[in-house]
C-alpha atoms as a PDB file:
ATOM      1  CA  MET A   1      -1.229  33.435  -0.438  1.00  0.00           C
ATOM      2  CA  LYS A   2       1.072  31.018   0.745  1.00  0.00           C
ATOM      3  CA  VAL A   3      -0.961  31.333   4.177  1.00  0.00           C
ATOM      4  CA  LEU A   4      -4.266  30.780   1.613  1.00  0.00           C
ATOM      5  CA  VAL A   5      -2.851  27.635   0.314  1.00  0.00           C
ATOM      6  CA  TRP A   6      -1.449  26.275   3.575  1.00  0.00           C
ATOM      7  CA  ALA A   7      -5.300  27.217   5.252  1.00  0.00           C
ATOM      8  CA  ILE A   8      -7.033  25.588   2.483  1.00  0.00           C
ATOM      9  CA  ARG A   9      -4.657  22.017   2.635  1.00  0.00           C
ATOM     10  CA  ILE A  10      -4.565  21.810   6.461  1.00  0.00           C
ATOM     11  CA  ALA A  11      -8.807  21.822   6.013  1.00  0.00           C
ATOM     12  CA  LEU A  12      -9.008  19.404   3.678  1.00  0.00           C
ATOM     13  CA  PHE A  13      -7.173  17.353   5.680  1.00  0.00           C
ATOM     14  CA  LEU A  14      -8.986  17.571   8.781  1.00  0.00           C
ATOM     15  CA  PHE A  15     -12.096  17.599   6.707  1.00  0.00           C
ATOM     16  CA  LEU A  16     -11.119  13.673   5.046  1.00  0.00           C
ATOM     17  CA  LEU A  17      -9.993  12.999   8.761  1.00  0.00           C
ATOM     18  CA  ILE A  18     -13.039  13.409  10.525  1.00  0.00           C
ATOM     19  CA  PHE A  19     -14.431  11.893   7.509  1.00  0.00           C
ATOM     20  CA  ALA A  20     -11.976   8.836   8.087  1.00  0.00           C
ATOM     21  CA  VAL A  21     -12.816   8.799  12.064  1.00  0.00           C
ATOM     22  CA  GLN A  22     -16.547   8.572  11.532  1.00  0.00           C
ATOM     23  CA  ASN A  23     -16.656   5.791   8.915  1.00  0.00           C
ATOM     24  CA  THR A  24     -14.356   2.551  10.784  1.00  0.00           C
ATOM     25  CA  GLN A  25     -17.995   0.829  10.955  1.00  0.00           C
ATOM     26  CA  PRO A  26     -17.464  -3.098   9.280  1.00  0.00           C
ATOM     27  CA  VAL A  27     -19.155  -4.004   6.208  1.00  0.00           C
ATOM     28  CA  THR A  28     -18.504  -6.913   4.260  1.00  0.00           C
ATOM     29  CA  LEU A  29     -18.119  -6.513   0.274  1.00  0.00           C
ATOM     30  CA  HIS A  30     -19.550  -9.476  -1.349  1.00  0.00           C
ATOM     31  CA  PHE A  31     -17.353 -11.524  -4.511  1.00  0.00           C
ATOM     32  CA  VAL A  32     -18.491 -13.777  -6.867  1.00  0.00           C
ATOM     33  CA  LEU A  33     -18.611 -17.252  -5.855  1.00  0.00           C
ATOM     34  CA  GLY A  34     -19.243 -17.164  -2.398  1.00  0.00           C
ATOM     35  CA  HIS A  35     -16.275 -15.023  -1.456  1.00  0.00           C
ATOM     36  CA  ALA A  36     -16.573 -12.273   1.123  1.00  0.00           C
ATOM     37  CA  TRP A  37     -14.160  -9.258   2.689  1.00  0.00           C
ATOM     38  CA  GLN A  38     -15.129  -7.825   5.874  1.00  0.00           C
ATOM     39  CA  ALA A  39     -12.921  -4.401   6.399  1.00  0.00           C
ATOM     40  CA  PRO A  40     -13.843  -0.597   7.634  1.00  0.00           C
ATOM     41  CA  LEU A  41     -15.874   1.419   4.939  1.00  0.00           C
ATOM     42  CA  VAL A  42     -13.449   3.905   4.656  1.00  0.00           C
ATOM     43  CA  ILE A  43     -10.462   1.566   4.075  1.00  0.00           C
ATOM     44  CA  LEU A  44     -12.713   0.290   1.094  1.00  0.00           C
ATOM     45  CA  LEU A  45     -13.295   3.463   0.087  1.00  0.00           C
ATOM     46  CA  LEU A  46      -9.820   4.426  -0.286  1.00  0.00           C
ATOM     47  CA  ALA A  47      -9.588   1.199  -1.861  1.00  0.00           C
ATOM     48  CA  PHE A  48     -11.664   2.192  -4.855  1.00  0.00           C
ATOM     49  CA  LEU A  49     -10.401   5.768  -5.153  1.00  0.00           C
ATOM     50  CA  VAL A  50      -6.577   4.305  -5.642  1.00  0.00           C
ATOM     51  CA  GLY A  51      -8.182   1.893  -8.087  1.00  0.00           C
ATOM     52  CA  GLY A  52      -9.972   3.931  -9.741  1.00  0.00           C
ATOM     53  CA  ALA A  53      -7.018   6.566 -10.117  1.00  0.00           C
ATOM     54  CA  LEU A  54      -4.086   3.755 -11.303  1.00  0.00           C
ATOM     55  CA  LEU A  55      -7.666   2.755 -13.989  1.00  0.00           C
ATOM     56  CA  GLY A  56      -7.866   6.519 -15.559  1.00  0.00           C
ATOM     57  CA  ILE A  57      -3.666   6.758 -15.570  1.00  0.00           C
ATOM     58  CA  LEU A  58      -4.365   3.267 -17.522  1.00  0.00           C
ATOM     59  CA  SER A  59      -6.308   4.192 -19.649  1.00  0.00           C
ATOM     60  CA  VAL A  60      -4.356   7.739 -20.661  1.00  0.00           C
ATOM     61  CA  LEU A  61      -0.964   5.972 -21.234  1.00  0.00           C
ATOM     62  CA  GLY A  62      -1.683   4.562 -24.771  1.00  0.00           C
ATOM     63  CA  HIS A  63      -2.598   7.793 -25.994  1.00  0.00           C
ATOM     64  CA  LEU A  64       0.487   9.449 -23.995  1.00  0.00           C
ATOM     65  CA  PHE A  65       3.019   7.277 -25.640  1.00  0.00           C
ATOM     66  CA  ALA A  66       1.179   7.746 -29.122  1.00  0.00           C
ATOM     67  CA  GLN A  67       1.717  11.182 -28.916  1.00  0.00           C
ATOM     68  CA  ARG A  68       5.178  11.095 -28.207  1.00  0.00           C
ATOM     69  CA  ARG A  69       5.490   8.776 -30.707  1.00  0.00           C
ATOM     70  CA  GLU A  70       4.098  11.474 -33.026  1.00  0.00           C
ATOM     71  CA  ILE A  71       5.916  14.369 -32.330  1.00  0.00           C
ATOM     72  CA  ALA A  72       9.356  12.438 -32.247  1.00  0.00           C
ATOM     73  CA  GLN A  73       8.045  11.708 -36.193  1.00  0.00           C
ATOM     74  CA  LEU A  74       7.207  15.301 -36.972  1.00  0.00           C
ATOM     75  CA  LYS A  75      10.687  16.787 -35.304  1.00  0.00           C
ATOM     76  CA  LYS A  76      12.318  13.911 -37.676  1.00  0.00           C
ATOM     77  CA  ASP A  77      10.243  15.737 -40.393  1.00  0.00           C
ATOM     78  CA  LEU A  78      11.601  19.037 -39.506  1.00  0.00           C
ATOM     79  CA  ALA A  79      14.663  18.219 -39.091  1.00  0.00           C
ATOM     80  CA  ALA A  80      14.557  16.157 -42.267  1.00  0.00           C
ATOM     81  CA  VAL A  81      13.153  19.094 -44.431  1.00  0.00           C
ATOM     82  CA  SER A  82      15.132  21.916 -43.022  1.00  0.00           C
ATOM     83  CA  ALA A  83      18.569  20.161 -44.146  1.00  0.00           C
ATOM     84  CA  MET A  84      16.955  20.366 -48.028  1.00  0.00           C
ATOM     85  CA  SER A  85      16.383  23.955 -48.037  1.00  0.00           C
ATOM     86  CA  PRO A  86      18.519  26.426 -46.657  1.00  0.00           C
ATOM     87  CA  ASP A  87      16.100  29.125 -46.483  1.00  0.00           C
ATOM     88  CA  ALA A  88      13.116  27.208 -44.501  1.00  0.00           C
ATOM     89  CA  PRO A  89      12.483  28.227 -41.028  1.00  0.00           C
ATOM     90  CA  GLN A  90      14.643  27.117 -38.112  1.00  0.00           C
END
C-alpha cells in the first residue's frame, strides 16, 4: 500500500512539474488605476491558489472557534449537572 501511495505522489509531482515548466510564459495582470504586474503564468497560478486556500481557511476559523466555545460551555453544564445529581451518568 505504501508503494502505491508513493507512486501516486511521484506521478502527481511529475505532472505538476511538467505543467509548471510548460507554463513559464510571462503574462501581465492588470490592476485598477493602471497598475500592472508581469510574471510567469505558473507563478500567478500558484499565488492565486495560495491566496484562495488562505481565504478558505480564514472563512472557517470563526465557525471553528464558535464551536469550541460551545463545546466548552456544554462540558461546563454537564459537569454542573453531574455534580448536582449523584446518579447521573458520568
